Amino acid sequence: MPVVEESVVIARPPQEVFDFLSNFDNIAVYDSSVTASEQVGTGPVAEGTRGRGTSKVMGRRFDWTVEVVEFDPPRRMVSRSVEGKLNFTVTFTLEPAGGGTRVTQRIDADSGLGGIFGKIADPLVERAQGRTVRANLETLAEWLAEHPQP
C-alpha cells in the first residue's frame, strides 16, 4: 500500500488554511492531479459530507467520490474514497507553526497497478506521488500568501 506524507509551513492562520482546504471547490486550485472537484449536496462541510472529482495520476484518469470521516476544525480533516477505481484516504493535519500553519498531508492508497507488478511498483509510485504532493502543498502555500481568505 503506497503511503505518501509531506508537510509545509504556510504563512496564514490555521483556521484560514483549514477553511480553504475543506472547500471541495478549491482542490483543483492547488492539486495538480485534480482536474475538477465539487461538494455533493449543500450545507457546511462536516463528517458525512461527500465530494467528487476527477484526477489524472501517472497518466491514468479516474473519477472519485470521497466522504469526510473526520472533521475537527482547524486541526484535522480525513476523507476516504467511497466510489471510484482506487481506494484511498487523505488526511490533513494542521498545527500552529511560527506565526503560520504547518500542514501535513498524508495519502494512504491501495496499489492501483494490481498483482505482483503493483507491489514491485509501489515504491516508485510513492516517490513520484510524494514529489507531486510536496509541489501541491507549496502551490497551496503560495496561493494563500497571494490570496488571503476573508
C-alpha atoms as a PDB file:
ATOM      1  CA  MET A   1       0.000   0.000   0.000  1.00  0.00           C
ATOM      2  CA  PRO A   2       1.599   3.274  -1.076  1.00  0.00           C
ATOM      3  CA  VAL A   3       1.783   5.912   1.664  1.00  0.00           C
ATOM      4  CA  VAL A   4       2.809   9.498   0.988  1.00  0.00           C
ATOM      5  CA  GLU A   5       3.272  12.133   3.688  1.00  0.00           C
ATOM      6  CA  GLU A   6       4.554  15.665   3.173  1.00  0.00           C
ATOM      7  CA  SER A   7       4.452  18.910   5.174  1.00  0.00           C
ATOM      8  CA  VAL A   8       4.813  22.610   4.512  1.00  0.00           C
ATOM      9  CA  VAL A   9       4.510  25.757   6.616  1.00  0.00           C
ATOM     10  CA  ILE A  10       2.006  28.284   5.300  1.00  0.00           C
ATOM     11  CA  ALA A  11       2.151  31.915   6.409  1.00  0.00           C
ATOM     12  CA  ARG A  12      -1.566  32.035   7.225  1.00  0.00           C
ATOM     13  CA  PRO A  13      -3.538  31.197  10.406  1.00  0.00           C
ATOM     14  CA  PRO A  14      -4.777  27.593  10.897  1.00  0.00           C
ATOM     15  CA  GLN A  15      -8.495  28.419  10.591  1.00  0.00           C
ATOM     16  CA  GLU A  16      -7.983  30.206   7.265  1.00  0.00           C
ATOM     17  CA  VAL A  17      -5.958  27.303   5.862  1.00  0.00           C
ATOM     18  CA  PHE A  18      -8.460  24.753   7.159  1.00  0.00           C
ATOM     19  CA  ASP A  19     -11.412  26.632   5.659  1.00  0.00           C
ATOM     20  CA  PHE A  20      -9.688  26.700   2.274  1.00  0.00           C
ATOM     21  CA  LEU A  21      -8.717  23.012   2.394  1.00  0.00           C
ATOM     22  CA  SER A  22     -12.171  21.866   3.466  1.00  0.00           C
ATOM     23  CA  ASN A  23     -13.856  23.524   0.466  1.00  0.00           C
ATOM     24  CA  PHE A  24     -14.086  20.857  -2.247  1.00  0.00           C
ATOM     25  CA  ASP A  25     -14.223  23.549  -4.951  1.00  0.00           C
ATOM     26  CA  ASN A  26     -10.662  24.590  -4.036  1.00  0.00           C
ATOM     27  CA  ILE A  27      -8.919  21.237  -4.564  1.00  0.00           C
ATOM     28  CA  ALA A  28      -8.125  21.857  -8.245  1.00  0.00           C
ATOM     29  CA  VAL A  29      -6.571  25.231  -7.300  1.00  0.00           C
ATOM     30  CA  TYR A  30      -3.596  23.581  -5.569  1.00  0.00           C
ATOM     31  CA  ASP A  31      -3.682  19.868  -6.532  1.00  0.00           C
ATOM     32  CA  SER A  32      -2.150  19.427  -9.986  1.00  0.00           C
ATOM     33  CA  SER A  33      -3.638  15.933 -10.379  1.00  0.00           C
ATOM     34  CA  VAL A  34      -7.243  17.113  -9.881  1.00  0.00           C
ATOM     35  CA  THR A  35      -8.950  18.445 -12.982  1.00  0.00           C
ATOM     36  CA  ALA A  36     -12.358  19.062 -11.350  1.00  0.00           C
ATOM     37  CA  SER A  37     -13.922  18.793  -7.897  1.00  0.00           C
ATOM     38  CA  GLU A  38     -17.089  19.817  -6.073  1.00  0.00           C
ATOM     39  CA  GLN A  39     -19.117  19.151  -2.966  1.00  0.00           C
ATOM     40  CA  VAL A  40     -22.046  16.751  -3.303  1.00  0.00           C
ATOM     41  CA  GLY A  41     -25.107  18.466  -1.846  1.00  0.00           C
ATOM     42  CA  THR A  42     -25.287  21.704   0.078  1.00  0.00           C
ATOM     43  CA  GLY A  43     -24.595  22.891   3.572  1.00  0.00           C
ATOM     44  CA  PRO A  44     -21.449  23.249   5.610  1.00  0.00           C
ATOM     45  CA  VAL A  45     -18.766  20.564   5.412  1.00  0.00           C
ATOM     46  CA  ALA A  46     -18.927  18.102   8.312  1.00  0.00           C
ATOM     47  CA  GLU A  47     -18.495  14.384   8.936  1.00  0.00           C
ATOM     48  CA  GLY A  48     -20.510  12.593   6.273  1.00  0.00           C
ATOM     49  CA  THR A  49     -20.158  15.332   3.631  1.00  0.00           C
ATOM     50  CA  ARG A  50     -19.193  13.969   0.228  1.00  0.00           C
ATOM     51  CA  GLY A  51     -17.135  15.456  -2.553  1.00  0.00           C
ATOM     52  CA  ARG A  52     -16.496  14.213  -6.072  1.00  0.00           C
ATOM     53  CA  GLY A  53     -13.952  14.922  -8.726  1.00  0.00           C
ATOM     54  CA  THR A  54     -11.689  13.740 -11.497  1.00  0.00           C
ATOM     55  CA  SER A  55      -7.950  13.145 -11.197  1.00  0.00           C
ATOM     56  CA  LYS A  56      -5.144  12.206 -13.533  1.00  0.00           C
ATOM     57  CA  VAL A  57      -2.359  10.277 -11.795  1.00  0.00           C
ATOM     58  CA  MET A  58       0.590   8.716 -13.607  1.00  0.00           C
ATOM     59  CA  GLY A  59      -1.199   9.042 -16.941  1.00  0.00           C
ATOM     60  CA  ARG A  60      -4.412   7.420 -15.708  1.00  0.00           C
ATOM     61  CA  ARG A  61      -7.633   9.374 -15.386  1.00  0.00           C
ATOM     62  CA  PHE A  62     -10.208   8.394 -12.783  1.00  0.00           C
ATOM     63  CA  ASP A  63     -13.344   9.757 -11.167  1.00  0.00           C
ATOM     64  CA  TRP A  64     -13.715   9.594  -7.401  1.00  0.00           C
ATOM     65  CA  THR A  65     -16.128  10.290  -4.602  1.00  0.00           C
ATOM     66  CA  VAL A  66     -14.903  10.783  -1.045  1.00  0.00           C
ATOM     67  CA  GLU A  67     -16.664  11.084   2.275  1.00  0.00           C
ATOM     68  CA  VAL A  68     -15.394  13.177   5.170  1.00  0.00           C
ATOM     69  CA  VAL A  69     -14.895  10.679   8.006  1.00  0.00           C
ATOM     70  CA  GLU A  70     -13.203  13.023  10.486  1.00  0.00           C
ATOM     71  CA  PHE A  71     -13.725  16.775  10.778  1.00  0.00           C
ATOM     72  CA  ASP A  72     -12.037  18.700  13.597  1.00  0.00           C
ATOM     73  CA  PRO A  73     -11.568  22.369  12.585  1.00  0.00           C
ATOM     74  CA  PRO A  74      -8.962  23.788  12.417  1.00  0.00           C
ATOM     75  CA  ARG A  75      -6.808  20.761  13.260  1.00  0.00           C
ATOM     76  CA  ARG A  76      -7.694  17.722  11.193  1.00  0.00           C
ATOM     77  CA  MET A  77      -9.787  16.502   8.276  1.00  0.00           C
ATOM     78  CA  VAL A  78      -9.859  12.964   6.914  1.00  0.00           C
ATOM     79  CA  SER A  79     -11.609  11.923   3.688  1.00  0.00           C
ATOM     80  CA  ARG A  80     -11.947   8.358   2.448  1.00  0.00           C
ATOM     81  CA  SER A  81     -12.866   7.207  -1.052  1.00  0.00           C
ATOM     82  CA  VAL A  82     -16.304   5.626  -1.294  1.00  0.00           C
ATOM     83  CA  GLU A  83     -16.636   5.361  -5.098  1.00  0.00           C
ATOM     84  CA  GLY A  84     -14.075   5.054  -7.870  1.00  0.00           C
ATOM     85  CA  LYS A  85     -11.323   2.787  -9.187  1.00  0.00           C
ATOM     86  CA  LEU A  86      -8.839   3.486  -6.377  1.00  0.00           C
ATOM     87  CA  ASN A  87      -9.227   3.138  -2.628  1.00  0.00           C
ATOM     88  CA  PHE A  88      -7.514   5.942  -0.737  1.00  0.00           C
ATOM     89  CA  THR A  89      -7.635   8.052   2.395  1.00  0.00           C
ATOM     90  CA  VAL A  90      -6.429  11.664   2.534  1.00  0.00           C
ATOM     91  CA  THR A  91      -5.580  13.185   5.913  1.00  0.00           C
ATOM     92  CA  PHE A  92      -4.803  16.849   6.521  1.00  0.00           C
ATOM     93  CA  THR A  93      -3.320  17.776   9.889  1.00  0.00           C
ATOM     94  CA  LEU A  94      -2.790  21.435  10.767  1.00  0.00           C
ATOM     95  CA  GLU A  95      -0.845  22.920  13.666  1.00  0.00           C
ATOM     96  CA  PRO A  96       0.381  26.402  14.531  1.00  0.00           C
ATOM     97  CA  ALA A  97       3.995  26.981  13.466  1.00  0.00           C
ATOM     98  CA  GLY A  98       5.987  30.186  13.718  1.00  0.00           C
ATOM     99  CA  GLY A  99       3.065  32.551  13.190  1.00  0.00           C
ATOM    100  CA  GLY A 100       1.639  30.380  10.424  1.00  0.00           C
ATOM    101  CA  THR A 101       0.386  26.845   9.972  1.00  0.00           C
ATOM    102  CA  ARG A 102       2.198  23.562   9.419  1.00  0.00           C
ATOM    103  CA  VAL A 103       0.054  21.486   7.051  1.00  0.00           C
ATOM    104  CA  THR A 104       0.763  17.781   6.773  1.00  0.00           C
ATOM    105  CA  GLN A 105      -0.951  15.802   4.050  1.00  0.00           C
ATOM    106  CA  ARG A 106      -0.925  12.014   4.191  1.00  0.00           C
ATOM    107  CA  ILE A 107      -2.311   9.795   1.453  1.00  0.00           C
ATOM    108  CA  ASP A 108      -2.839   6.081   2.070  1.00  0.00           C
ATOM    109  CA  ALA A 109      -3.772   4.249  -1.125  1.00  0.00           C
ATOM    110  CA  ASP A 110      -4.228   0.690  -2.287  1.00  0.00           C
ATOM    111  CA  SER A 111      -1.947  -0.296  -5.122  1.00  0.00           C
ATOM    112  CA  GLY A 112      -3.727   0.687  -8.308  1.00  0.00           C
ATOM    113  CA  LEU A 113      -1.444  -1.315 -10.587  1.00  0.00           C
ATOM    114  CA  GLY A 114      -2.600  -4.758  -9.496  1.00  0.00           C
ATOM    115  CA  GLY A 115      -0.917  -8.104  -8.919  1.00  0.00           C
ATOM    116  CA  ILE A 116       2.779  -8.634  -8.218  1.00  0.00           C
ATOM    117  CA  PHE A 117       3.747  -5.828 -10.594  1.00  0.00           C
ATOM    118  CA  GLY A 118       1.792  -3.446  -8.373  1.00  0.00           C
ATOM    119  CA  LYS A 119       3.728  -4.460  -5.264  1.00  0.00           C
ATOM    120  CA  ILE A 120       7.058  -4.003  -7.057  1.00  0.00           C
ATOM    121  CA  ALA A 121       5.967  -0.630  -8.456  1.00  0.00           C
ATOM    122  CA  ASP A 122       4.629   0.747  -5.141  1.00  0.00           C
ATOM    123  CA  PRO A 123       7.957   2.382  -4.106  1.00  0.00           C
ATOM    124  CA  LEU A 124       8.169   4.121  -7.497  1.00  0.00           C
ATOM    125  CA  VAL A 125       4.588   5.325  -7.175  1.00  0.00           C
ATOM    126  CA  GLU A 126       5.276   6.566  -3.628  1.00  0.00           C
ATOM    127  CA  ARG A 127       8.308   8.592  -4.719  1.00  0.00           C
ATOM    128  CA  ALA A 128       6.557  10.123  -7.732  1.00  0.00           C
ATOM    129  CA  GLN A 129       3.408  10.908  -5.766  1.00  0.00           C
ATOM    130  CA  GLY A 130       5.489  12.274  -2.877  1.00  0.00           C
ATOM    131  CA  ARG A 131       7.073  14.832  -5.207  1.00  0.00           C
ATOM    132  CA  THR A 132       3.631  15.772  -6.525  1.00  0.00           C
ATOM    133  CA  VAL A 133       2.135  16.155  -3.050  1.00  0.00           C
ATOM    134  CA  ARG A 134       5.084  18.308  -1.945  1.00  0.00           C
ATOM    135  CA  ALA A 135       4.698  20.536  -5.019  1.00  0.00           C
ATOM    136  CA  ASN A 136       0.934  20.776  -4.404  1.00  0.00           C
ATOM    137  CA  LEU A 137       1.476  21.885  -0.800  1.00  0.00           C
ATOM    138  CA  GLU A 138       3.977  24.508  -1.976  1.00  0.00           C
ATOM    139  CA  THR A 139       1.401  25.722  -4.513  1.00  0.00           C
ATOM    140  CA  LEU A 140      -1.168  25.890  -1.701  1.00  0.00           C
ATOM    141  CA  ALA A 141       1.220  27.985   0.419  1.00  0.00           C
ATOM    142  CA  GLU A 142       1.900  30.367  -2.473  1.00  0.00           C
ATOM    143  CA  TRP A 143      -1.800  30.657  -3.363  1.00  0.00           C
ATOM    144  CA  LEU A 144      -2.849  31.503   0.197  1.00  0.00           C
ATOM    145  CA  ALA A 145       0.002  34.008   0.568  1.00  0.00           C
ATOM    146  CA  GLU A 146      -1.141  35.777  -2.611  1.00  0.00           C
ATOM    147  CA  HIS A 147      -4.917  35.385  -1.985  1.00  0.00           C
ATOM    148  CA  PRO A 148      -5.665  35.777   1.739  1.00  0.00           C
ATOM    149  CA  GLN A 149      -9.120  34.400   2.512  1.00  0.00           C
ATOM    150  CA  PRO A 150     -11.771  36.678   4.050  1.00  0.00           C
END
